[in-house]
C-alpha atoms as a PDB file:
ATOM      1  CA  UNK A   1      27.834   6.698 -33.821  1.00  0.00           C
ATOM      2  CA  UNK A   2      26.441   9.777 -36.024  1.00  0.00           C
ATOM      3  CA  UNK A   3      23.398  11.511 -34.220  1.00  0.00           C
ATOM      4  CA  UNK A   4      21.028  10.222 -37.005  1.00  0.00           C
ATOM      5  CA  UNK A   5      22.357   6.376 -36.469  1.00  0.00           C
ATOM      6  CA  UNK A   6      21.348   6.823 -32.656  1.00  0.00           C
ATOM      7  CA  UNK A   7      18.119   8.242 -33.625  1.00  0.00           C
ATOM      8  CA  UNK A   8      17.222   5.419 -35.539  1.00  0.00           C
ATOM      9  CA  UNK A   9      18.627   3.031 -32.995  1.00  0.00           C
ATOM     10  CA  UNK A  10      16.261   4.593 -29.888  1.00  0.00           C
ATOM     11  CA  UNK A  11      13.458   4.741 -32.404  1.00  0.00           C
ATOM     12  CA  UNK A  12      13.920   0.873 -32.978  1.00  0.00           C
ATOM     13  CA  UNK A  13      13.879   0.284 -29.113  1.00  0.00           C
ATOM     14  CA  UNK A  14      10.833   2.323 -28.825  1.00  0.00           C
ATOM     15  CA  UNK A  15       8.878   0.633 -31.385  1.00  0.00           C
ATOM     16  CA  UNK A  16       9.847  -2.716 -30.021  1.00  0.00           C
ATOM     17  CA  UNK A  17       8.242  -1.871 -26.823  1.00  0.00           C
ATOM     18  CA  UNK A  18       4.993  -0.522 -28.665  1.00  0.00           C
ATOM     19  CA  UNK A  19       5.387   3.010 -27.508  1.00  0.00           C
ATOM     20  CA  UNK A  20       3.063   5.362 -29.252  1.00  0.00           C
ATOM     21  CA  UNK A  21       5.376   7.414 -31.418  1.00  0.00           C
ATOM     22  CA  UNK A  22       2.894   9.963 -32.294  1.00  0.00           C
ATOM     23  CA  UNK A  23       3.170  11.136 -28.876  1.00  0.00           C
ATOM     24  CA  UNK A  24       7.191  11.188 -28.451  1.00  0.00           C
ATOM     25  CA  UNK A  25       9.881  13.353 -29.743  1.00  0.00           C
ATOM     26  CA  UNK A  26      13.756  11.841 -29.420  1.00  0.00           C
ATOM     27  CA  UNK A  27      16.371  14.775 -29.581  1.00  0.00           C
ATOM     28  CA  UNK A  28      20.083  13.811 -29.654  1.00  0.00           C
ATOM     29  CA  UNK A  29      22.831  15.790 -28.414  1.00  0.00           C
ATOM     30  CA  UNK A  30      26.338  14.550 -28.224  1.00  0.00           C
ATOM     31  CA  UNK A  31      25.012  11.204 -27.287  1.00  0.00           C
ATOM     32  CA  UNK A  32      22.413  12.535 -24.730  1.00  0.00           C
ATOM     33  CA  UNK A  33      19.095  11.421 -25.670  1.00  0.00           C
ATOM     34  CA  UNK A  34      16.201  13.380 -24.974  1.00  0.00           C
ATOM     35  CA  UNK A  35      12.649  12.066 -24.829  1.00  0.00           C
ATOM     36  CA  UNK A  36       9.793  14.388 -24.699  1.00  0.00           C
ATOM     37  CA  UNK A  37       5.913  14.161 -24.673  1.00  0.00           C
ATOM     38  CA  UNK A  38       3.363  11.550 -23.511  1.00  0.00           C
ATOM     39  CA  UNK A  39       4.416   7.769 -22.847  1.00  0.00           C
ATOM     40  CA  UNK A  40       1.616   5.487 -24.083  1.00  0.00           C
ATOM     41  CA  UNK A  41       1.703   2.141 -25.203  1.00  0.00           C
ATOM     42  CA  UNK A  42      -0.247   0.386 -27.993  1.00  0.00           C
ATOM     43  CA  UNK A  43      -1.419   0.868 -31.523  1.00  0.00           C
ATOM     44  CA  UNK A  44      -4.005   3.569 -30.299  1.00  0.00           C
ATOM     45  CA  UNK A  45      -2.066   4.731 -27.369  1.00  0.00           C
ATOM     46  CA  UNK A  46      -4.665   3.158 -24.973  1.00  0.00           C
ATOM     47  CA  UNK A  47      -2.435   0.950 -22.984  1.00  0.00           C
ATOM     48  CA  UNK A  48      -1.501   2.096 -19.752  1.00  0.00           C
ATOM     49  CA  UNK A  49       2.322   2.393 -18.692  1.00  0.00           C
ATOM     50  CA  UNK A  50       3.950   2.266 -15.079  1.00  0.00           C
ATOM     51  CA  UNK A  51       7.107   3.169 -13.973  1.00  0.00           C
ATOM     52  CA  UNK A  52       8.625  -0.087 -14.285  1.00  0.00           C
ATOM     53  CA  UNK A  53       8.170   0.009 -17.929  1.00  0.00           C
ATOM     54  CA  UNK A  54       9.950   3.749 -18.335  1.00  0.00           C
ATOM     55  CA  UNK A  55      12.932   2.090 -16.560  1.00  0.00           C
ATOM     56  CA  UNK A  56      12.826  -0.966 -18.873  1.00  0.00           C
ATOM     57  CA  UNK A  57      12.826   1.518 -21.526  1.00  0.00           C
ATOM     58  CA  UNK A  58      15.694   3.404 -20.210  1.00  0.00           C
ATOM     59  CA  UNK A  59      17.820   0.420 -19.570  1.00  0.00           C
ATOM     60  CA  UNK A  60      17.479  -0.523 -23.367  1.00  0.00           C
ATOM     61  CA  UNK A  61      18.032   2.950 -24.515  1.00  0.00           C
ATOM     62  CA  UNK A  62      21.345   3.189 -22.531  1.00  0.00           C
ATOM     63  CA  UNK A  63      22.370  -0.165 -24.064  1.00  0.00           C
ATOM     64  CA  UNK A  64      22.501   1.349 -27.475  1.00  0.00           C
ATOM     65  CA  UNK A  65      26.172   1.952 -28.555  1.00  0.00           C
ATOM     66  CA  UNK A  66      26.931   5.627 -28.159  1.00  0.00           C
ATOM     67  CA  UNK A  67      24.416   6.539 -25.936  1.00  0.00           C
ATOM     68  CA  UNK A  68      25.567   8.520 -22.966  1.00  0.00           C
ATOM     69  CA  UNK A  69      22.881   9.768 -20.904  1.00  0.00           C
ATOM     70  CA  UNK A  70      19.064   9.431 -21.299  1.00  0.00           C
ATOM     71  CA  UNK A  71      16.820  12.508 -20.153  1.00  0.00           C
ATOM     72  CA  UNK A  72      13.256  12.493 -19.946  1.00  0.00           C
ATOM     73  CA  UNK A  73      10.838  15.065 -20.299  1.00  0.00           C
ATOM     74  CA  UNK A  74       7.626  13.558 -20.222  1.00  0.00           C
ATOM     75  CA  UNK A  75       3.843  14.344 -19.529  1.00  0.00           C
ATOM     76  CA  UNK A  76       2.741  13.460 -16.080  1.00  0.00           C
ATOM     77  CA  UNK A  77       5.563  11.766 -14.733  1.00  0.00           C
ATOM     78  CA  UNK A  78       8.537  12.562 -12.546  1.00  0.00           C
ATOM     79  CA  UNK A  79      11.583  10.500 -11.170  1.00  0.00           C
ATOM     80  CA  UNK A  80      11.556  10.854  -7.325  1.00  0.00           C
ATOM     81  CA  UNK A  81      13.276   8.994  -4.813  1.00  0.00           C
ATOM     82  CA  UNK A  82      14.743   6.412  -7.265  1.00  0.00           C
ATOM     83  CA  UNK A  83      11.671   5.746  -9.069  1.00  0.00           C
ATOM     84  CA  UNK A  84       9.147   7.002 -11.380  1.00  0.00           C
ATOM     85  CA  UNK A  85       5.928   8.358 -10.169  1.00  0.00           C
ATOM     86  CA  UNK A  86       3.212   9.493 -12.041  1.00  0.00           C
ATOM     87  CA  UNK A  87       0.616   8.307 -15.141  1.00  0.00           C
ATOM     88  CA  UNK A  88      -1.931   6.222 -13.797  1.00  0.00           C
ATOM     89  CA  UNK A  89      -0.192   4.956 -10.727  1.00  0.00           C
END
């Protein structure tokens, strides 16, 4: 799958989950998806998210044909001991 098709498919996953796309940048390199920015939900980005939401997003993104790896570089969150911590948790 071409990078442009992967980008569109990943974007659809994020939009379907009401992610504020104005705060997230998607980069693609050889099947690796890199997400940068801030993860918030809702039309105004006013709905808080939790670590389980990020895990579910990753599961859905990994389900896109052609995705080999997902790398998160998101503000206020880190992956620690098998779970996402940060945000308002």
